[in-house]
Amino acid sequence: MTELFLALTVLLLLSGAPLFAILLAAAFTGFAWAEIPLTIVAVELTRLTDTPLLVSLPLFAFSGYVLAEGRSADRLVALTQAALGGLRGGVAWVTVLCCALFTAFTGASGVTLVALGALLYPALRADGFSDRSALGLVTTSGSLGLLLVPSVPLILYGVLAQQLGVGPSFSLRQLFLAGVVPLLVMMLALGAVALVQLRRGRRAAEGPAGPTASAEAPAPRPKFGEALWAARFEAPLPVLVLGGIYGGVFALSEVAAVTALYVVLAQCLLYRDVSLRALPSLAWRSMTLVGGVLMILAAALALANVFVDAQLPERIFEALSTQLTSKTSFLLALNLGLLLLGMIIDSYAAIVLLVPLLLPVAVAYDIHPIHFGMIFLANLQLGTLTPPVGMNLFIASVRFKQPLGVLYRASLPYLGALLFALLLITYIPALSTFTL
């Protein structure tokens, strides 16, 4: 039956069928083969309605679309630059922090590159970064944020992992807290390489004959009071969301509802960056995305039952255990495989396709679901940056009007730093499991 699943999946993929149709077709085939009534698929499709957590997905997605539509990016960058710009390499830290927060709230690193790239790139050049280093830092920083709530991929992984019920139980608050330290490790790794690149860029700009005009003229740093006043309605948002969730004050669905209302009021009525007439269009676009994700998730849950009945995870573990005899070797193979897959499929598809298969195998290797989730999502972040087909490299190439070869070379030092951070996250479980 495994061969039948694989053949069917490959044929449907080659035909260009939608992902949810591929998953449902495989589920129907599996249940029919096992002589299980196909009505069980409808049960799986409706089982998601018993998960109150899923209410947060459309609300957070809508909030992200509204924030991306307005001028929140400008005010966020100005505020963080006013607060951190005085530090050594302060603009680099501003870049890393802004990109992480913006990606977490919008749920898409490509949106971050488009929204923040035009602001951060010239600021880095003015601070002394070479053209190549500035391009590389903006491109790689844009992928950060998937490990920080309210990132939609993080929430999606939590819902799917809990629905599968594999391995030790955990709360979603533990999962959300677990992403903080791994994200900080990746941010610090990027920042450290950025400081080295900054020192080299300034030395090259000075040259043996003194300073040159290779970098752009530095713009005056915004005054903190003015920047805080300009972002007075957005500055409380991270505190509201992160403090409410991590502090255990609100349930995730409650925070999502408050966030959506607050963002609409701030952007439409207080700042007036987004017109009320634009809200239906933004709601349509965000709900189309979420509807597709939920349909794929429901189909994946149905297919997961087929995998369990066919004992597919156990068979995968038995096949791997003969070649990968230790947890260390399995984790290395897991990272290599996920990096390759992260280059060619988006994060939502990767989660719903691979988590039902790989999570039981990881648990069999004595890997906690929370630790596995951090490894999985960190790999997806890096997959969008990995040459030759990382999606963010193509987006940055179009955004900054640079050849792909230039982006490859510019991103390599920072990609190396993120790979080092990934190894730390992989082989030091305490960075993720400290919440247990």
Protein backbone atom coordinates (compact mmCIF):
# COMPACT_ATOMS: atom_id res chain seq x y z
CA MET A 1 0.00 0.00 0.00
CA THR A 2 2.95 2.32 0.59
CA GLU A 3 3.91 2.00 -3.06
CA LEU A 4 0.33 2.84 -4.05
CA PHE A 5 0.40 6.01 -1.93
CA LEU A 6 3.68 7.12 -3.43
CA ALA A 7 2.61 6.43 -7.00
CA LEU A 8 -0.71 8.23 -6.54
CA THR A 9 0.94 11.23 -4.88
CA VAL A 10 3.58 11.57 -7.61
CA LEU A 11 1.00 11.35 -10.39
CA LEU A 12 -1.20 13.98 -8.80
CA LEU A 13 1.74 16.28 -8.13
CA LEU A 14 2.83 16.01 -11.75
CA SER A 15 -0.69 16.80 -12.89
CA GLY A 16 -0.65 20.07 -10.96
CA ALA A 17 -3.57 19.13 -8.69
CA PRO A 18 -4.14 21.25 -5.55
CA LEU A 19 -2.38 19.97 -2.45
CA PHE A 20 -5.59 19.35 -0.49
CA ALA A 21 -6.93 17.28 -3.40
CA ILE A 22 -3.77 15.17 -3.40
CA LEU A 23 -4.04 14.54 0.34
CA LEU A 24 -7.75 13.73 0.17
CA ALA A 25 -7.25 11.39 -2.78
CA ALA A 26 -4.54 9.52 -0.88
CA ALA A 27 -6.78 9.37 2.21
CA PHE A 28 -9.74 8.04 0.21
CA THR A 29 -7.52 5.43 -1.41
CA GLY A 30 -6.10 4.33 1.93
CA PHE A 31 -9.47 4.01 3.65
CA ALA A 32 -10.97 2.18 0.66
CA TRP A 33 -8.00 -0.23 0.64
CA ALA A 34 -8.52 -0.91 4.35
CA GLU A 35 -12.30 -1.32 3.77
CA ILE A 36 -13.09 1.55 6.14
CA PRO A 37 -16.24 3.58 5.32
CA LEU A 38 -15.29 6.77 3.50
CA THR A 39 -17.56 8.77 5.79
CA ILE A 40 -14.64 8.78 8.21
CA VAL A 41 -13.02 11.41 5.98
CA ALA A 42 -15.94 13.77 6.59
CA VAL A 43 -15.53 13.15 10.32
CA GLU A 44 -11.89 14.18 10.09
CA LEU A 45 -12.78 17.28 8.09
CA THR A 46 -15.27 18.41 10.75
CA ARG A 47 -13.06 17.43 13.71
CA LEU A 48 -11.18 20.68 13.29
CA THR A 49 -14.27 22.61 14.34
CA ASP A 50 -13.74 21.22 17.86
CA THR A 51 -10.38 23.01 18.09
CA PRO A 52 -11.00 26.51 19.48
CA LEU A 53 -7.35 27.38 18.87
CA LEU A 54 -7.96 27.51 15.12
CA VAL A 55 -10.04 30.66 15.58
CA SER A 56 -6.75 32.49 16.12
CA LEU A 57 -5.40 31.63 12.66
CA PRO A 58 -7.77 33.79 10.55
CA LEU A 59 -7.65 36.61 13.09
CA PHE A 60 -3.87 36.78 13.20
CA ALA A 61 -3.64 36.42 9.42
CA PHE A 62 -6.08 39.30 8.94
CA SER A 63 -4.14 41.45 11.42
CA GLY A 64 -0.92 40.77 9.52
CA TYR A 65 -2.45 41.79 6.21
CA VAL A 66 -3.73 45.06 7.69
CA LEU A 67 -0.34 45.85 9.26
CA ALA A 68 1.45 45.15 5.98
CA GLU A 69 -0.98 47.42 4.11
CA GLY A 70 -0.30 50.46 6.31
CA ARG A 71 2.89 52.28 7.29
CA SER A 72 3.59 50.19 10.34
CA ALA A 73 6.92 49.07 8.91
CA ASP A 74 8.18 52.67 8.69
CA ARG A 75 7.22 53.48 12.26
CA LEU A 76 8.55 50.17 13.62
CA VAL A 77 11.94 50.72 12.00
CA ALA A 78 12.12 54.34 13.19
CA LEU A 79 11.31 53.35 16.77
CA THR A 80 13.81 50.52 16.99
CA GLN A 81 16.46 52.64 15.28
CA ALA A 82 15.91 55.38 17.84
CA ALA A 83 16.21 52.85 20.67
CA LEU A 84 19.10 50.73 19.35
CA GLY A 85 20.79 52.90 16.74
CA GLY A 86 23.31 54.24 19.23
CA LEU A 87 24.77 50.78 19.89
CA ARG A 88 27.77 49.50 18.01
CA GLY A 89 26.33 48.14 14.80
CA GLY A 90 22.96 49.34 16.04
CA VAL A 91 21.35 49.36 12.60
CA ALA A 92 22.21 45.67 12.22
CA TRP A 93 20.39 44.87 15.47
CA VAL A 94 17.49 47.04 14.30
CA THR A 95 17.35 45.01 11.08
CA VAL A 96 17.34 41.65 12.86
CA LEU A 97 14.75 42.68 15.46
CA CYS A 98 12.38 44.43 13.05
CA CYS A 99 12.44 41.56 10.57
CA ALA A 100 11.78 38.97 13.29
CA LEU A 101 8.82 40.87 14.70
CA PHE A 102 7.33 41.76 11.33
CA THR A 103 7.61 38.19 10.03
CA ALA A 104 6.04 36.83 13.22
CA PHE A 105 3.03 39.14 12.87
CA THR A 106 2.57 38.86 9.10
CA GLY A 107 3.49 35.16 8.86
CA ALA A 108 5.45 35.60 5.61
CA SER A 109 9.14 36.38 5.25
CA GLY A 110 8.62 37.51 1.65
CA VAL A 111 6.29 40.25 2.86
CA THR A 112 8.98 41.37 5.30
CA LEU A 113 11.55 41.70 2.53
CA VAL A 114 9.19 43.77 0.41
CA ALA A 115 7.94 45.96 3.27
CA LEU A 116 11.19 46.57 5.17
CA GLY A 117 13.84 46.15 2.49
CA ALA A 118 13.61 49.69 1.15
CA LEU A 119 13.96 51.09 4.69
CA LEU A 120 16.69 48.88 6.12
CA TYR A 121 19.03 48.52 3.16
CA PRO A 122 19.91 52.25 2.84
CA ALA A 123 20.16 52.51 6.65
CA LEU A 124 22.73 49.71 6.70
CA ARG A 125 24.70 51.32 3.87
CA ALA A 126 24.74 54.61 5.74
CA ASP A 127 26.00 52.86 8.88
CA GLY A 128 29.07 51.59 7.04
CA PHE A 129 28.03 48.22 5.65
CA SER A 130 29.23 47.34 2.19
CA ASP A 131 26.63 46.89 -0.50
CA ARG A 132 27.02 43.11 -0.42
CA SER A 133 26.86 42.84 3.38
CA ALA A 134 23.75 45.02 3.57
CA LEU A 135 22.00 42.90 0.93
CA GLY A 136 22.93 39.68 2.71
CA LEU A 137 21.79 40.84 6.15
CA VAL A 138 18.41 42.15 4.96
CA THR A 139 17.78 39.01 2.90
CA THR A 140 18.61 36.55 5.68
CA SER A 141 16.95 38.55 8.47
CA GLY A 142 13.70 38.48 6.50
CA SER A 143 13.36 34.77 7.21
CA LEU A 144 13.39 35.17 11.00
CA GLY A 145 10.21 35.10 13.03
CA LEU A 146 8.62 31.69 12.37
CA LEU A 147 9.56 30.60 15.89
CA LEU A 148 7.81 33.54 17.56
CA VAL A 149 4.09 33.62 18.30
CA PRO A 150 1.78 34.73 16.60
CA SER A 151 3.58 33.13 13.65
CA VAL A 152 0.97 31.11 11.75
CA PRO A 153 3.37 28.20 10.99
CA LEU A 154 4.17 27.89 14.72
CA ILE A 155 0.48 27.80 15.62
CA LEU A 156 -0.22 25.35 12.81
CA TYR A 157 2.50 22.99 14.00
CA GLY A 158 1.13 23.13 17.54
CA VAL A 159 -2.40 22.29 16.40
CA LEU A 160 -1.24 19.41 14.21
CA ALA A 161 1.16 17.95 16.78
CA GLN A 162 -1.52 17.98 19.48
CA GLN A 163 -4.09 16.44 17.15
CA LEU A 164 -1.66 13.62 16.33
CA GLY A 165 -1.19 12.91 20.05
CA VAL A 166 2.27 11.39 19.58
CA GLY A 167 4.90 11.39 22.32
CA PRO A 168 4.84 13.34 25.62
CA SER A 169 2.00 15.79 26.00
CA PHE A 170 2.67 19.53 26.06
CA SER A 171 0.71 22.74 26.25
CA LEU A 172 0.68 25.32 23.49
CA ARG A 173 2.01 27.91 25.93
CA GLN A 174 5.06 25.65 26.48
CA LEU A 175 5.50 25.42 22.70
CA PHE A 176 5.26 29.18 22.24
CA LEU A 177 7.75 29.83 25.04
CA ALA A 178 10.09 27.24 23.55
CA GLY A 179 10.58 29.34 20.43
CA VAL A 180 12.01 32.35 22.25
CA VAL A 181 15.52 31.08 23.04
CA PRO A 182 16.12 29.41 19.63
CA LEU A 183 15.04 32.64 17.93
CA LEU A 184 17.41 34.64 20.14
CA VAL A 185 20.24 32.25 19.26
CA MET A 186 19.63 32.81 15.55
CA MET A 187 19.36 36.58 16.00
CA LEU A 188 22.61 36.72 17.99
CA ALA A 189 24.39 34.60 15.38
CA LEU A 190 23.28 36.96 12.62
CA GLY A 191 24.21 40.02 14.69
CA ALA A 192 27.69 38.66 15.44
CA VAL A 193 28.46 38.08 11.76
CA ALA A 194 27.00 41.50 10.94
CA LEU A 195 29.45 43.19 13.34
CA VAL A 196 32.36 41.42 11.64
CA GLN A 197 31.06 42.48 8.23
CA LEU A 198 30.60 46.05 9.47
CA ARG A 199 34.21 46.23 10.65
CA ARG A 200 35.40 45.00 7.25
CA GLY A 201 33.11 47.41 5.41
CA ARG A 202 34.37 50.42 7.37
CA ARG A 203 37.98 49.43 6.85
CA ALA A 204 37.37 49.05 3.11
CA ALA A 205 35.60 52.42 3.01
CA GLU A 206 38.49 54.16 4.77
CA GLY A 207 41.20 52.55 2.64
CA PRO A 208 44.86 53.48 2.85
CA ALA A 209 44.16 57.08 1.83
CA GLY A 210 41.41 57.71 4.38
CA PRO A 211 37.63 57.60 4.19
CA THR A 212 35.90 57.40 0.83
CA ALA A 213 32.37 58.12 -0.27
CA SER A 214 31.46 54.51 -0.95
CA ALA A 215 28.74 54.38 1.64
CA GLU A 216 25.64 56.51 1.60
CA ALA A 217 25.54 59.60 3.75
CA PRO A 218 24.25 58.70 7.21
CA ALA A 219 20.77 59.93 7.94
CA PRO A 220 20.14 61.55 11.32
CA ARG A 221 18.99 59.03 13.91
CA PRO A 222 15.35 59.59 14.92
CA LYS A 223 14.81 61.00 18.39
CA PHE A 224 13.35 58.38 20.69
CA GLY A 225 10.53 60.56 21.99
CA GLU A 226 9.40 61.53 18.50
CA ALA A 227 9.64 57.96 17.20
CA LEU A 228 7.73 56.62 20.20
CA TRP A 229 5.00 59.21 19.73
CA ALA A 230 4.73 58.39 16.03
CA ALA A 231 4.37 54.67 16.87
CA ARG A 232 2.25 55.27 19.97
CA PHE A 233 -0.56 53.03 18.75
CA GLU A 234 1.71 50.23 17.50
CA ALA A 235 4.29 50.11 20.28
CA PRO A 236 1.86 48.41 22.71
CA LEU A 237 1.02 45.68 20.18
CA PRO A 238 4.01 43.34 20.84
CA VAL A 239 3.49 43.81 24.56
CA LEU A 240 -0.19 42.97 24.21
CA VAL A 241 0.37 39.85 22.13
CA LEU A 242 3.60 38.47 23.55
CA GLY A 243 2.94 39.52 27.13
CA GLY A 244 -0.63 38.23 27.03
CA ILE A 245 0.35 34.82 25.66
CA TYR A 246 3.66 34.22 27.41
CA GLY A 247 2.34 35.62 30.67
CA GLY A 248 -0.67 33.32 30.56
CA VAL A 249 -3.05 36.28 30.92
CA PHE A 250 -5.10 35.51 27.79
CA ALA A 251 -5.89 32.44 25.75
CA LEU A 252 -4.51 32.54 22.22
CA SER A 253 -7.95 32.98 20.65
CA GLU A 254 -8.66 35.90 22.98
CA VAL A 255 -5.38 37.60 22.10
CA ALA A 256 -6.09 37.06 18.40
CA ALA A 257 -9.50 38.72 18.65
CA VAL A 258 -8.16 41.69 20.61
CA THR A 259 -5.23 42.04 18.19
CA ALA A 260 -7.48 42.09 15.12
CA LEU A 261 -9.76 44.73 16.67
CA TYR A 262 -6.83 46.84 17.88
CA VAL A 263 -5.03 46.72 14.52
CA VAL A 264 -8.15 47.77 12.61
CA LEU A 265 -8.84 50.65 15.00
CA ALA A 266 -5.21 51.83 14.90
CA GLN A 267 -4.66 51.56 11.14
CA CYS A 268 -8.11 52.67 9.95
CA LEU A 269 -9.32 55.21 12.51
CA LEU A 270 -6.28 56.50 14.39
CA TYR A 271 -3.48 56.49 11.80
CA ARG A 272 -5.84 56.36 8.80
CA ASP A 273 -3.22 54.48 6.78
CA VAL A 274 -5.80 51.93 5.63
CA SER A 275 -9.22 52.96 4.42
CA LEU A 276 -12.30 51.17 5.67
CA ARG A 277 -13.11 50.37 2.04
CA ALA A 278 -9.92 48.31 1.82
CA LEU A 279 -10.87 46.02 4.72
CA PRO A 280 -13.14 43.69 2.70
CA SER A 281 -10.36 43.13 0.17
CA LEU A 282 -7.82 42.46 2.93
CA ALA A 283 -10.25 40.11 4.66
CA TRP A 284 -10.87 38.26 1.40
CA ARG A 285 -7.15 37.81 0.71
CA SER A 286 -6.31 36.70 4.25
CA MET A 287 -9.28 34.34 4.52
CA THR A 288 -8.44 32.79 1.16
CA LEU A 289 -4.99 31.97 2.54
CA VAL A 290 -6.33 30.64 5.84
CA GLY A 291 -9.12 28.67 4.16
CA GLY A 292 -6.59 26.92 1.97
CA VAL A 293 -4.38 26.15 4.98
CA LEU A 294 -7.31 24.75 6.99
CA MET A 295 -8.48 22.62 4.07
CA ILE A 296 -4.98 21.21 3.69
CA LEU A 297 -4.75 20.65 7.45
CA ALA A 298 -8.04 18.76 7.55
CA ALA A 299 -7.00 16.57 4.64
CA ALA A 300 -3.63 15.96 6.31
CA LEU A 301 -5.32 14.81 9.51
CA ALA A 302 -7.43 12.35 7.53
CA LEU A 303 -4.33 11.05 5.77
CA ALA A 304 -2.50 10.79 9.09
CA ASN A 305 -5.05 8.19 10.20
CA VAL A 306 -4.26 6.21 7.08
CA PHE A 307 -0.58 6.37 7.95
CA VAL A 308 -1.32 5.10 11.46
CA ASP A 309 -3.49 2.23 10.20
CA ALA A 310 -0.82 1.26 7.68
CA GLN A 311 1.87 1.55 10.40
CA LEU A 312 3.83 3.73 8.00
CA PRO A 313 5.76 5.71 10.68
CA GLU A 314 6.82 2.45 12.34
CA ARG A 315 8.01 1.07 9.01
CA ILE A 316 9.93 4.26 8.30
CA PHE A 317 11.57 4.04 11.73
CA GLU A 318 12.50 0.40 11.18
CA ALA A 319 14.06 1.25 7.81
CA LEU A 320 15.95 4.24 9.20
CA SER A 321 17.12 2.54 12.39
CA THR A 322 19.18 0.08 10.38
CA GLN A 323 21.10 2.95 8.77
CA LEU A 324 20.81 5.69 11.41
CA THR A 325 21.62 3.90 14.62
CA SER A 326 21.71 6.92 16.93
CA LYS A 327 19.71 10.06 17.65
CA THR A 328 22.69 12.16 16.53
CA SER A 329 22.80 10.62 13.06
CA PHE A 330 19.03 10.86 12.70
CA LEU A 331 19.07 14.57 13.60
CA LEU A 332 21.81 15.21 11.04
CA ALA A 333 19.83 13.41 8.33
CA LEU A 334 16.68 15.25 9.42
CA ASN A 335 18.37 18.64 9.03
CA LEU A 336 19.76 17.81 5.60
CA GLY A 337 16.42 16.52 4.36
CA LEU A 338 14.41 19.45 5.71
CA LEU A 339 16.83 22.00 4.27
CA LEU A 340 16.41 20.46 0.83
CA LEU A 341 12.63 20.28 1.12
CA GLY A 342 12.44 23.82 2.51
CA MET A 343 13.87 25.10 -0.76
CA ILE A 344 11.09 23.68 -2.91
CA ILE A 345 7.88 23.71 -0.81
CA ASP A 346 6.36 26.41 1.37
CA SER A 347 6.16 26.16 5.14
CA TYR A 348 2.44 25.34 5.32
CA ALA A 349 2.71 22.44 2.87
CA ALA A 350 5.85 21.16 4.60
CA ILE A 351 4.14 21.13 7.99
CA VAL A 352 0.99 19.29 6.96
CA LEU A 353 2.80 16.85 4.67
CA LEU A 354 5.82 15.93 6.77
CA VAL A 355 4.87 16.33 10.44
CA PRO A 356 2.42 13.36 10.47
CA LEU A 357 5.18 11.19 9.02
CA LEU A 358 8.28 12.48 10.79
CA LEU A 359 7.00 13.35 14.27
CA PRO A 360 6.28 9.71 15.24
CA VAL A 361 9.71 8.73 13.91
CA ALA A 362 11.37 11.51 15.91
CA VAL A 363 9.53 10.43 19.06
CA ALA A 364 10.80 6.89 18.47
CA TYR A 365 14.32 8.36 18.56
CA ASP A 366 13.43 9.93 21.94
CA ILE A 367 13.06 13.47 20.59
CA HIS A 368 10.44 15.59 22.34
CA PRO A 369 7.70 17.03 20.07
CA ILE A 370 8.58 20.57 21.16
CA HIS A 371 12.26 20.06 20.32
CA PHE A 372 11.30 18.51 16.99
CA GLY A 373 9.04 21.48 16.25
CA MET A 374 11.85 23.98 16.83
CA ILE A 375 14.20 21.99 14.58
CA PHE A 376 11.50 21.67 11.92
CA LEU A 377 10.57 25.36 11.82
CA ALA A 378 14.19 26.54 12.01
CA ASN A 379 14.97 24.39 8.98
CA LEU A 380 12.04 25.87 7.08
CA GLN A 381 13.43 29.34 7.79
CA LEU A 382 16.82 28.38 6.39
CA GLY A 383 15.34 26.53 3.43
CA THR A 384 14.02 29.80 2.01
CA LEU A 385 17.61 31.11 1.97
CA THR A 386 19.52 28.06 0.74
CA PRO A 387 20.96 28.31 -2.79
CA PRO A 388 20.20 27.62 -5.52
CA VAL A 389 16.40 27.79 -5.24
CA GLY A 390 15.64 29.39 -1.87
CA MET A 391 12.49 31.45 -2.37
CA ASN A 392 13.67 34.50 -0.41
CA LEU A 393 16.72 34.76 -2.63
CA PHE A 394 14.46 35.16 -5.66
CA ILE A 395 12.27 37.70 -3.85
CA ALA A 396 15.33 39.71 -2.78
CA SER A 397 16.72 39.55 -6.30
CA VAL A 398 13.55 41.15 -7.65
CA ARG A 399 13.19 43.58 -4.72
CA PHE A 400 16.75 44.94 -4.89
CA LYS A 401 17.20 44.42 -8.66
CA GLN A 402 20.32 42.32 -8.20
CA PRO A 403 21.41 39.14 -10.02
CA LEU A 404 20.89 35.91 -8.12
CA GLY A 405 24.63 35.27 -8.08
CA VAL A 406 25.17 38.48 -6.12
CA LEU A 407 22.50 37.45 -3.60
CA TYR A 408 24.08 34.01 -3.21
CA ARG A 409 27.49 35.46 -2.34
CA ALA A 410 26.01 38.18 -0.13
CA SER A 411 23.97 35.71 1.92
CA LEU A 412 26.61 33.01 2.46
CA PRO A 413 28.28 34.47 5.62
CA TYR A 414 24.92 35.01 7.28
CA LEU A 415 23.61 31.64 6.13
CA GLY A 416 26.68 30.06 7.74
CA ALA A 417 25.80 31.80 11.01
CA LEU A 418 22.22 30.52 10.85
CA LEU A 419 23.43 26.98 10.12
CA PHE A 420 25.65 27.17 13.21
CA ALA A 421 22.64 28.34 15.23
CA LEU A 422 20.60 25.47 13.77
CA LEU A 423 23.21 22.97 15.00
CA LEU A 424 23.01 24.46 18.49
CA ILE A 425 19.21 24.23 18.45
CA THR A 426 19.41 20.65 17.17
CA TYR A 427 21.99 19.22 19.52
CA ILE A 428 21.22 21.22 22.69
CA PRO A 429 17.62 20.24 23.44
CA ALA A 430 17.54 22.39 26.58
CA LEU A 431 17.37 25.49 24.38
CA SER A 432 13.87 24.35 23.37
CA THR A 433 12.71 22.17 26.26
CA PHE A 434 13.47 24.52 29.14
CA THR A 435 9.73 25.14 29.45
CA LEU A 436 8.96 21.52 30.36
